[in-house]
N, C-alpha and C. Protein backbone atom coordinates (compact mmCIF):
# COMPACT_ATOMS: atom_id res chain seq x y z
N MET A 1 0.93 -0.97 -0.03
CA MET A 1 -0.31 0.16 -0.04
C MET A 1 1.19 1.16 -0.37
N PHE A 2 0.44 2.36 -0.48
CA PHE A 2 1.31 3.80 -0.43
C PHE A 2 0.42 4.68 0.61
N ASP A 3 1.99 4.95 1.31
CA ASP A 3 1.65 6.01 2.33
C ASP A 3 2.49 7.02 1.72
N LEU A 4 1.66 8.30 1.93
CA LEU A 4 1.83 9.24 1.34
C LEU A 4 2.38 9.94 2.55
N ALA A 5 2.20 9.92 3.48
CA ALA A 5 2.96 10.41 5.18
C ALA A 5 4.81 9.81 4.66
N GLU A 6 4.55 8.37 4.93
CA GLU A 6 6.17 7.57 4.40
C GLU A 6 6.57 8.58 3.76
N VAL A 7 6.33 8.64 2.20
CA VAL A 7 6.74 9.12 1.42
C VAL A 7 7.38 10.92 1.74
N LEU A 8 6.56 11.36 2.11
CA LEU A 8 6.89 12.99 2.67
C LEU A 8 7.92 12.46 3.34
N ASP A 9 8.53 12.08 4.78
CA ASP A 9 9.37 12.00 5.23
C ASP A 9 10.96 11.93 4.45
N ASP A 10 10.65 10.67 3.63
CA ASP A 10 11.73 10.06 2.61
C ASP A 10 12.24 11.60 2.19
N VAL A 11 10.85 12.00 1.07
CA VAL A 11 11.43 13.06 0.47
C VAL A 11 12.10 14.49 0.91
N TYR A 12 11.75 14.31 2.77
CA TYR A 12 11.81 15.41 2.92
C TYR A 12 13.55 15.89 3.36
N GLY A 13 13.84 14.34 3.57
CA GLY A 13 15.02 13.24 4.15
C GLY A 13 16.35 14.27 2.69
N ASP A 14 15.55 13.85 1.37
CA ASP A 14 16.62 14.30 0.34
C ASP A 14 16.07 15.87 0.38
N ALA A 15 15.35 16.11 0.63
CA ALA A 15 15.54 17.76 0.20
C ALA A 15 16.74 18.47 1.01
N ILE A 16 16.65 17.69 2.57
CA ILE A 16 17.80 18.31 3.22
C ILE A 16 19.13 18.47 2.95
N LEU A 17 19.38 16.99 2.01
CA LEU A 17 20.65 16.82 1.96
C LEU A 17 20.98 17.65 0.52
N ALA A 18 19.33 17.63 -0.34
CA ALA A 18 20.40 18.82 -1.12
C ALA A 18 20.20 20.27 -0.80
N ALA A 19 19.86 20.83 -0.40
CA ALA A 19 19.60 22.02 0.35
C ALA A 19 21.08 22.25 0.94
N GLN A 20 21.18 21.19 1.24
CA GLN A 20 23.04 21.42 2.29
C GLN A 20 23.74 21.43 1.11
N LYS A 21 23.59 20.92 -0.22
CA LYS A 21 24.79 20.76 -0.80
C LYS A 21 24.76 22.47 -1.23
N GLU A 22 23.51 22.67 -2.07
CA GLU A 22 23.16 23.80 -2.50
C GLU A 22 23.73 25.76 -1.84
N THR A 23 22.79 25.36 -0.28
CA THR A 23 23.45 26.93 1.12
C THR A 23 24.88 26.13 1.43
N GLY A 24 25.04 25.15 1.47
CA GLY A 24 26.45 25.06 2.56
C GLY A 24 26.32 24.80 3.83
N LEU A 25 24.95 25.07 4.06
CA LEU A 25 24.67 24.98 5.41
C LEU A 25 24.54 23.68 6.21
N ALA A 26 24.80 23.60 7.15
CA ALA A 26 24.81 22.17 8.42
C ALA A 26 23.41 22.08 8.65
N GLU A 27 23.05 20.61 8.56
CA GLU A 27 22.14 19.74 8.54
C GLU A 27 21.30 20.34 9.85
N SER A 28 21.78 20.57 10.73
CA SER A 28 21.03 21.23 11.88
C SER A 28 20.37 22.52 11.92
N GLU A 29 21.05 23.19 10.67
CA GLU A 29 20.35 24.55 10.29
C GLU A 29 18.83 24.27 10.19
N PHE A 30 18.70 23.41 9.30
CA PHE A 30 17.15 22.69 8.82
C PHE A 30 16.08 22.09 9.91
N PRO A 31 14.57 22.25 10.10
CA PRO A 31 14.25 21.28 11.26
C PRO A 31 14.48 19.73 10.28
N ALA A 32 14.58 19.13 11.61
CA ALA A 32 15.18 18.03 11.72
C ALA A 32 13.39 16.60 11.15
N CYS A 33 12.75 17.59 11.33
CA CYS A 33 11.39 16.65 10.16
C CYS A 33 10.32 17.91 9.69
N LEU A 34 9.39 17.52 8.54
CA LEU A 34 9.06 18.31 8.28
C LEU A 34 8.05 19.22 8.49
N PRO A 35 7.85 20.24 8.34
CA PRO A 35 6.93 20.97 9.30
C PRO A 35 5.78 21.92 9.68
N TYR A 36 5.64 20.68 8.07
CA TYR A 36 3.86 20.95 7.73
C TYR A 36 3.48 19.56 7.70
N THR A 37 2.53 19.83 8.14
CA THR A 37 1.49 18.23 8.13
C THR A 37 0.83 18.02 6.77
N LEU A 38 0.74 16.44 6.53
CA LEU A 38 0.06 16.24 5.28
C LEU A 38 -1.32 17.27 4.76
N ALA A 39 -1.75 17.74 6.24
CA ALA A 39 -3.51 17.80 5.54
C ALA A 39 -3.27 19.30 4.93
N GLN A 40 -1.70 19.99 5.80
CA GLN A 40 -2.05 21.62 5.18
C GLN A 40 -0.98 21.93 4.34
N LEU A 41 -0.72 20.49 3.67
CA LEU A 41 0.42 21.03 2.24
C LEU A 41 -0.97 19.99 1.24
N LEU A 42 -1.83 19.54 1.27
CA LEU A 42 -2.80 19.07 0.75
C LEU A 42 -4.08 20.73 0.57
N ASP A 43 -3.94 21.60 1.13
CA ASP A 43 -4.54 22.59 1.55
C ASP A 43 -4.62 23.58 0.44
N ASP A 44 -5.15 23.98 -0.38
CA ASP A 44 -4.97 24.57 -1.77
C ASP A 44 -4.80 26.06 -0.92
N GLU A 45 -5.29 26.46 0.38
CA GLU A 45 -5.74 27.76 1.24
C GLU A 45 -4.43 27.67 2.27
N PHE A 46 -3.94 26.72 2.19
CA PHE A 46 -2.70 26.55 3.08
C PHE A 46 -1.05 27.69 2.51
N TYR A 47 -0.41 28.56 3.12
CA TYR A 47 0.73 29.34 2.76
C TYR A 47 1.24 29.51 3.38
N PRO A 48 2.62 28.62 3.89
CA PRO A 48 3.51 29.02 4.58
C PRO A 48 4.03 29.95 4.77
């Protein structure tokens, strides 16, 4: 079964690595976990 929340966690980890490479910032400079819920990300009215 496809678990979107689990996929988001994996993708967020990949995004942290990409952001580190692009910015030169340490991993500790980024939130350890995705700061938005799945519901927020899927909400058309949500804009962080």
